[in-house]
Amino acid sequence: MINKIYLPIICTAILLLNSCGEEIKTNNSDDSHAIPVVISQATSRGNQSFLTVSGKIQAKNTADLSTKMMGFIQSVPVHVGEKVQKGQLLVRINNTDLQAKKAQVNANIAEARASFNNAQKDYERFKNLFSDQSASQKELDDMTARFEMAKARLDAAEQMKNEIDAQFAYTNITAPFSGVVTHKTVEKGDMANPGQLLISIENPEDFEVIAMVPETEISQINKGTAVEVLVKSINKTLTGKVSELSSSARNTGGQYMAKIDLDKSEAHTLSGMFATVVFPVEKKAQSHVVLIPKSSMVIHGQLSGVYTVSHNNTAILRWLRIGRTFGDHVEVLSGLNSDETYIVSAEGKLFNGAKVTLK
């Protein structure tokens, strides 16, 4: 009787023991698949003798073209990336209404000129008659007023023609300088509205960098200061000089705008590329340059990162902002502090969340 009562309890205990054994076995199996890695602490270099700020490259000569007219786009004979010459047609807007107005204005000019010529002849005749005392002063005054009114109407009609001709310029959008088409917002058949951006062009020969300088170092930077510009996307270091320096940071939160003219180079520079500008000035606030070896970095396109180890021994990919190169090491501007460790090498393929074990 007692054996029958305790038999289920004994069976349950055995199952629990087996279950625990399987769990322990599984955990041991997970640990056995952990990737051995070697970690290192980021090194730092003190007494930084230069200031690095982020900037953006842009063409020195750019134009965003619009119109004052409303009408349907008749043609856009250029494409994005196409080279254009100064004065070349970029966008044509239907100008049928303007042509009708121009014809009307030309008719008004012809009428006003005929009236003017007739009034001028009468004025000259009455002027001679008045000299011969054959016409009164009032008659001469009337002819003079008539002549002046005819002249004013002719001038007004000719000014109207100048206004119509100026409006024609807004229906034929031409290139203000030689360059490359970088953007267009309309195609044939679209409606153009006054002030709407239609097309953009830029001159790809001369470039500049716009950078923001902190207020703590702005006093050490002057117009003409030579700088280095690091363009990571093309892996090039360019040179240039400060061409403009703002004296106000009222609308930029304590950051002062600096414009750097880039020197001519063979580098394939494009507008919109991000850059790091290095000013040869001593930073007032003491700082350290964090360095890591290139071999430990993970590169995905234009992104750079490094794997770190979490508190539960898993690999975590951390993206970094990279600065200058020092031999086989690179500067970490943000994303990793000097007191943090990172994975230098691994005996397997790392990924986010991968189990790792320290060698």
Protein backbone atom coordinates (compact mmCIF):
# COMPACT_ATOMS: atom_id res chain seq x y z
CA MET A 1 0.00 0.00 0.00
CA ILE A 2 2.80 2.42 0.91
CA ASN A 3 4.74 1.57 -2.24
CA LYS A 4 1.75 2.44 -4.42
CA ILE A 5 1.37 5.85 -2.73
CA TYR A 6 5.03 6.89 -3.10
CA LEU A 7 5.57 5.45 -6.55
CA PRO A 8 4.29 8.56 -8.49
CA ILE A 9 6.39 10.83 -6.27
CA ILE A 10 9.50 8.80 -6.96
CA CYS A 11 8.81 8.86 -10.72
CA THR A 12 8.33 12.63 -10.66
CA ALA A 13 11.62 13.14 -8.85
CA ILE A 14 13.42 10.99 -11.40
CA LEU A 15 11.94 13.04 -14.29
CA LEU A 16 13.01 16.29 -12.64
CA LEU A 17 16.53 14.99 -12.17
CA ASN A 18 16.69 13.97 -15.83
CA SER A 19 15.37 17.37 -16.86
CA CYS A 20 17.99 19.19 -14.81
CA GLY A 21 20.65 16.98 -16.25
CA GLU A 22 19.55 17.84 -19.78
CA GLU A 23 19.53 21.58 -18.95
CA ILE A 24 23.01 21.42 -17.52
CA LYS A 25 24.13 19.50 -20.55
CA THR A 26 22.60 22.13 -22.86
CA ASN A 27 24.28 24.99 -21.01
CA ASN A 28 27.57 23.20 -21.22
CA SER A 29 26.93 22.75 -24.94
CA ASP A 30 26.31 26.53 -25.38
CA ASP A 31 29.53 27.38 -23.56
CA SER A 32 31.43 25.01 -25.77
CA HIS A 33 30.38 27.04 -28.86
CA ALA A 34 31.62 30.39 -27.49
CA ILE A 35 34.11 32.14 -29.78
CA PRO A 36 37.55 32.73 -28.21
CA VAL A 37 38.51 36.41 -28.53
CA VAL A 38 41.38 38.69 -27.58
CA ILE A 39 40.49 42.09 -26.13
CA SER A 40 42.49 45.26 -25.64
CA GLN A 41 41.98 48.66 -24.07
CA ALA A 42 41.85 51.72 -26.30
CA THR A 43 45.03 53.76 -26.10
CA SER A 44 45.05 57.53 -25.84
CA ARG A 45 47.48 60.30 -26.65
CA GLY A 46 47.37 63.46 -24.57
CA ASN A 47 48.23 67.12 -25.19
CA GLN A 48 46.36 67.39 -28.48
CA SER A 49 47.88 70.23 -30.53
CA PHE A 50 45.10 70.52 -33.07
CA LEU A 51 41.36 71.08 -33.23
CA THR A 52 39.16 68.73 -35.25
CA VAL A 53 35.60 69.63 -36.26
CA SER A 54 33.11 68.11 -38.65
CA GLY A 55 32.31 69.80 -41.93
CA LYS A 56 30.59 69.32 -45.25
CA ILE A 57 31.94 69.82 -48.76
CA GLN A 58 30.04 71.93 -51.26
CA ALA A 59 30.73 73.56 -54.62
CA LYS A 60 31.72 77.21 -54.37
CA ASN A 61 29.54 78.18 -57.33
CA THR A 62 25.99 76.83 -57.12
CA ALA A 63 22.61 78.07 -58.38
CA ASP A 64 19.03 77.03 -57.61
CA LEU A 65 16.94 78.30 -60.51
CA SER A 66 13.25 79.21 -60.34
CA THR A 67 10.79 81.39 -62.27
CA LYS A 68 8.34 84.24 -61.68
CA MET A 69 5.88 82.82 -64.20
CA MET A 70 3.12 80.26 -63.92
CA GLY A 71 2.73 77.87 -66.83
CA PHE A 72 3.18 74.37 -68.15
CA ILE A 73 6.70 73.06 -68.69
CA GLN A 74 7.22 72.80 -72.43
CA SER A 75 10.61 71.06 -72.32
CA VAL A 76 13.52 70.17 -70.02
CA PRO A 77 16.32 69.37 -72.50
CA VAL A 78 18.93 68.43 -69.87
CA HIS A 79 19.45 65.56 -67.43
CA VAL A 80 20.94 65.29 -63.94
CA GLY A 81 24.71 64.86 -64.21
CA GLU A 82 24.87 66.51 -67.64
CA LYS A 83 27.45 69.22 -68.30
CA VAL A 84 26.01 72.52 -69.51
CA GLN A 85 27.51 75.73 -70.86
CA LYS A 86 26.75 79.29 -69.78
CA GLY A 87 23.58 80.51 -71.51
CA GLN A 88 22.39 76.99 -72.45
CA LEU A 89 18.62 76.42 -72.21
CA LEU A 90 17.67 74.34 -69.17
CA VAL A 91 13.89 74.70 -68.88
CA ARG A 92 11.32 76.16 -71.28
CA ILE A 93 7.88 77.22 -70.00
CA ASN A 94 4.93 77.65 -72.36
CA ASN A 95 4.69 81.38 -73.19
CA THR A 96 1.64 81.54 -75.46
CA ASP A 97 -0.01 84.11 -73.17
CA LEU A 98 3.08 86.29 -73.25
CA GLN A 99 3.24 86.13 -77.03
CA ALA A 100 -0.35 87.38 -77.21
CA LYS A 101 0.46 90.19 -74.78
CA LYS A 102 3.54 91.10 -76.78
CA ALA A 103 1.48 91.35 -79.96
CA GLN A 104 -0.98 93.60 -78.15
CA VAL A 105 1.82 95.76 -76.79
CA ASN A 106 3.39 96.08 -80.26
CA ALA A 107 0.01 97.25 -81.60
CA ASN A 108 -0.23 99.81 -78.79
CA ILE A 109 3.28 101.04 -79.58
CA ALA A 110 2.40 101.47 -83.26
CA GLU A 111 -0.73 103.42 -82.33
CA ALA A 112 1.12 105.57 -79.79
CA ARG A 113 3.93 106.30 -82.26
CA ALA A 114 1.44 107.40 -84.94
CA SER A 115 -0.27 109.72 -82.44
CA PHE A 116 3.09 111.04 -81.32
CA ASN A 117 4.25 111.77 -84.88
CA ASN A 118 0.99 113.58 -85.62
CA ALA A 119 1.17 115.59 -82.39
CA GLN A 120 4.80 116.47 -83.07
CA LYS A 121 3.94 117.83 -86.54
CA ASP A 122 1.07 119.93 -85.13
CA TYR A 123 3.32 121.21 -82.37
CA GLU A 124 6.04 122.26 -84.82
CA ARG A 125 3.47 123.93 -87.12
CA PHE A 126 1.83 125.90 -84.29
CA LYS A 127 5.23 126.82 -82.97
CA ASN A 128 6.07 128.44 -86.32
CA LEU A 129 2.66 130.09 -86.48
CA PHE A 130 3.14 131.51 -83.03
CA SER A 131 6.53 132.92 -84.13
CA ASP A 132 4.76 134.61 -87.04
CA GLN A 133 2.07 135.82 -84.62
CA SER A 134 -0.50 133.80 -86.53
CA ALA A 135 -1.46 131.67 -83.50
CA SER A 136 -2.31 132.59 -79.96
CA GLN A 137 -0.43 131.55 -76.85
CA LYS A 138 -3.36 129.34 -75.79
CA GLU A 139 -3.33 127.47 -79.08
CA LEU A 140 0.42 126.86 -78.72
CA ASP A 141 -0.07 125.70 -75.11
CA ASP A 142 -2.80 123.27 -76.21
CA MET A 143 -0.57 121.81 -78.93
CA THR A 144 2.33 121.57 -76.49
CA ALA A 145 0.18 119.66 -73.97
CA ARG A 146 -1.09 117.36 -76.73
CA PHE A 147 2.47 116.69 -77.87
CA GLU A 148 3.67 115.92 -74.31
CA MET A 149 0.74 113.55 -73.72
CA ALA A 150 1.45 111.68 -76.97
CA LYS A 151 5.10 111.38 -76.02
CA ALA A 152 4.19 110.03 -72.58
CA ARG A 153 1.84 107.42 -74.08
CA LEU A 154 4.57 106.27 -76.45
CA ASP A 155 7.07 105.98 -73.58
CA ALA A 156 4.57 103.98 -71.52
CA ALA A 157 3.92 101.59 -74.39
CA GLU A 158 7.64 101.04 -74.94
CA GLN A 159 8.17 100.38 -71.20
CA MET A 160 5.38 97.83 -71.34
CA LYS A 161 7.26 96.12 -74.14
CA ASN A 162 10.42 96.03 -71.97
CA GLU A 163 8.39 94.41 -69.17
CA ILE A 164 7.04 91.75 -71.54
CA ASP A 165 10.54 91.05 -72.84
CA ALA A 166 11.80 90.64 -69.26
CA GLN A 167 9.00 88.13 -68.57
CA PHE A 168 10.10 86.11 -71.58
CA ALA A 169 13.43 85.57 -69.81
CA TYR A 170 11.55 83.75 -67.03
CA THR A 171 9.99 81.34 -69.51
CA ASN A 172 13.40 80.33 -70.88
CA ILE A 173 15.60 79.33 -67.91
CA THR A 174 19.26 79.31 -68.98
CA ALA A 175 22.49 78.38 -67.21
CA PRO A 176 24.06 81.39 -65.43
CA PHE A 177 27.48 79.71 -65.66
CA SER A 178 29.09 76.57 -67.04
CA GLY A 179 28.69 73.56 -64.75
CA VAL A 180 26.80 70.33 -64.11
CA VAL A 181 23.08 69.77 -63.50
CA THR A 182 22.76 68.37 -59.96
CA HIS A 183 19.00 68.38 -59.38
CA LYS A 184 15.73 68.96 -61.21
CA THR A 185 12.19 68.88 -59.88
CA VAL A 186 10.09 69.18 -63.05
CA GLU A 187 9.53 67.33 -66.29
CA LYS A 188 7.71 68.14 -69.50
CA GLY A 189 4.01 68.75 -68.84
CA ASP A 190 4.41 69.75 -65.17
CA MET A 191 3.06 73.06 -63.90
CA ALA A 192 5.64 75.66 -62.89
CA ASN A 193 4.72 78.10 -60.13
CA PRO A 194 6.38 81.39 -59.15
CA GLY A 195 9.29 80.80 -56.77
CA GLN A 196 9.30 77.02 -57.28
CA LEU A 197 12.72 75.35 -57.54
CA LEU A 198 13.02 74.00 -61.07
CA ILE A 199 16.64 72.97 -61.53
CA SER A 200 20.01 73.26 -59.77
CA ILE A 201 23.50 73.45 -61.23
CA GLU A 202 26.97 73.75 -59.76
CA ASN A 203 30.53 74.20 -60.93
CA PRO A 204 32.42 70.99 -59.98
CA GLU A 205 35.87 72.55 -60.31
CA ASP A 206 36.07 74.60 -57.11
CA PHE A 207 34.99 73.27 -53.72
CA GLU A 208 34.79 74.60 -50.18
CA VAL A 209 34.04 73.17 -46.75
CA ILE A 210 31.57 74.60 -44.26
CA ALA A 211 32.54 73.80 -40.65
CA MET A 212 31.41 74.96 -37.21
CA VAL A 213 34.09 76.01 -34.70
CA PRO A 214 33.47 76.01 -30.90
CA GLU A 215 33.56 79.35 -29.12
CA THR A 216 36.49 78.19 -26.94
CA GLU A 217 38.85 78.02 -29.95
CA ILE A 218 37.44 80.60 -32.38
CA SER A 219 39.87 83.31 -31.17
CA GLN A 220 42.84 81.20 -32.36
CA ILE A 221 41.58 80.87 -35.94
CA ASN A 222 42.10 83.63 -38.50
CA LYS A 223 41.29 84.19 -42.12
CA GLY A 224 44.00 82.56 -44.22
CA THR A 225 44.80 79.82 -41.67
CA ALA A 226 45.99 76.66 -43.47
CA VAL A 227 44.10 73.49 -42.53
CA GLU A 228 43.89 69.80 -43.40
CA VAL A 229 40.60 68.28 -44.54
CA LEU A 230 40.11 64.52 -44.10
CA VAL A 231 37.54 63.02 -46.49
CA LYS A 232 36.92 59.49 -45.30
CA SER A 233 34.60 58.45 -48.15
CA ILE A 234 37.47 58.77 -50.65
CA ASN A 235 40.25 58.12 -48.10
CA LYS A 236 42.02 61.38 -48.97
CA THR A 237 43.59 64.22 -47.00
CA LEU A 238 43.13 67.58 -48.72
CA THR A 239 44.50 71.01 -47.89
CA GLY A 240 42.88 74.40 -47.84
CA LYS A 241 42.70 77.83 -46.23
CA VAL A 242 40.08 79.63 -44.17
CA SER A 243 38.37 82.10 -46.52
CA GLU A 244 35.50 83.29 -44.32
CA LEU A 245 34.98 83.37 -40.57
CA SER A 246 31.73 84.39 -38.92
CA SER A 247 31.93 86.81 -36.01
CA SER A 248 28.54 85.87 -34.57
CA ALA A 249 27.09 82.66 -33.14
CA ARG A 250 23.72 84.11 -32.20
CA ASN A 251 21.78 81.64 -34.35
CA THR A 252 24.16 78.67 -34.13
CA GLY A 253 24.31 77.87 -30.42
CA GLY A 254 27.88 78.93 -29.66
CA GLN A 255 29.30 77.53 -32.92
CA TYR A 256 31.01 79.88 -35.39
CA MET A 257 30.84 79.21 -39.12
CA ALA A 258 34.17 78.80 -40.92
CA LYS A 259 34.43 78.46 -44.69
CA ILE A 260 37.52 76.73 -46.10
CA ASP A 261 38.57 77.00 -49.74
CA LEU A 262 40.02 73.66 -50.86
CA ASP A 263 43.20 73.62 -52.92
CA LYS A 264 43.10 72.07 -56.37
CA SER A 265 43.69 68.32 -56.31
CA GLU A 266 43.10 65.18 -58.35
CA ALA A 267 40.81 63.73 -55.67
CA HIS A 268 37.31 62.82 -56.84
CA THR A 269 35.57 65.28 -54.54
CA LEU A 270 31.78 65.64 -54.67
CA SER A 271 29.35 68.05 -53.05
CA GLY A 272 27.73 66.72 -49.90
CA MET A 273 30.68 64.62 -48.74
CA PHE A 274 31.34 64.78 -45.01
CA ALA A 275 34.80 65.80 -43.89
CA THR A 276 36.87 66.37 -40.77
CA VAL A 277 38.64 69.73 -40.66
CA VAL A 278 41.90 69.84 -38.68
CA PHE A 279 42.89 73.32 -37.47
CA PRO A 280 46.53 73.68 -36.33
CA VAL A 281 45.64 75.36 -33.04
CA GLU A 282 46.09 74.23 -29.47
CA LYS A 283 42.86 73.35 -27.71
CA LYS A 284 42.32 75.25 -24.51
CA ALA A 285 40.57 72.30 -22.90
CA GLN A 286 42.89 69.37 -22.29
CA SER A 287 41.78 66.29 -24.21
CA HIS A 288 43.05 62.91 -25.35
CA VAL A 289 43.10 61.24 -28.74
CA VAL A 290 41.64 57.72 -28.56
CA LEU A 291 43.43 55.32 -30.93
CA ILE A 292 42.61 51.78 -32.10
CA PRO A 293 44.38 49.59 -34.71
CA LYS A 294 42.88 49.45 -38.20
CA SER A 295 42.95 45.64 -38.14
CA SER A 296 40.33 45.50 -35.37
CA MET A 297 37.80 47.64 -37.22
CA VAL A 298 34.66 46.43 -38.98
CA ILE A 299 33.88 48.28 -42.23
CA HIS A 300 30.42 48.29 -43.83
CA GLY A 301 30.32 50.79 -46.71
CA GLN A 302 31.02 54.20 -45.17
CA LEU A 303 30.36 52.95 -41.63
CA SER A 304 33.18 51.96 -39.29
CA GLY A 305 32.81 50.05 -36.07
CA VAL A 306 34.42 47.74 -33.56
CA TYR A 307 33.18 44.78 -31.49
CA THR A 308 33.06 45.11 -27.71
CA VAL A 309 32.20 42.53 -25.04
CA SER A 310 29.00 42.94 -23.02
CA HIS A 311 28.62 42.08 -19.31
CA ASN A 312 27.13 38.67 -20.23
CA ASN A 313 30.02 37.79 -22.56
CA THR A 314 28.38 38.52 -25.93
CA ALA A 315 29.82 40.47 -28.85
CA ILE A 316 28.30 43.93 -29.42
CA LEU A 317 29.04 45.90 -32.61
CA ARG A 318 29.55 49.56 -31.83
CA TRP A 319 29.68 52.15 -34.63
CA LEU A 320 32.39 54.82 -34.45
CA ARG A 321 33.17 58.22 -35.90
CA ILE A 322 36.73 58.08 -37.20
CA GLY A 323 39.22 60.94 -37.53
CA ARG A 324 42.87 61.09 -38.51
CA THR A 325 45.21 58.17 -39.23
CA PHE A 326 48.38 57.61 -37.17
CA GLY A 327 50.37 54.85 -38.89
CA ASP A 328 48.41 51.61 -38.40
CA HIS A 329 46.07 53.24 -35.89
CA VAL A 330 43.09 55.55 -36.39
CA GLU A 331 41.62 58.24 -34.18
CA VAL A 332 38.19 57.59 -32.64
CA LEU A 333 36.26 60.85 -32.39
CA SER A 334 33.21 59.28 -30.76
CA GLY A 335 31.77 55.88 -29.93
CA LEU A 336 34.61 54.50 -27.76
CA ASN A 337 36.30 55.95 -24.68
CA SER A 338 39.91 55.46 -23.65
CA ASP A 339 38.92 53.38 -20.60
CA GLU A 340 36.85 50.87 -22.61
CA THR A 341 37.95 47.57 -24.13
CA TYR A 342 37.27 46.15 -27.58
CA ILE A 343 37.87 42.88 -29.42
CA VAL A 344 41.18 42.80 -31.26
CA SER A 345 40.87 39.34 -32.83
CA ALA A 346 38.55 36.33 -32.75
CA GLU A 347 38.84 32.64 -33.63
CA GLY A 348 35.55 32.66 -35.52
CA LYS A 349 33.02 34.91 -37.24
CA LEU A 350 31.65 37.56 -34.91
CA PHE A 351 28.14 38.98 -35.03
CA ASN A 352 25.88 40.91 -32.71
CA GLY A 353 24.94 38.69 -29.75
CA ALA A 354 27.55 36.00 -30.47
CA LYS A 355 28.79 34.19 -27.34
CA VAL A 356 32.48 34.91 -26.70
CA THR A 357 35.07 33.78 -24.21
CA LEU A 358 38.21 35.67 -23.32
CA LYS A 359 41.55 34.04 -24.06
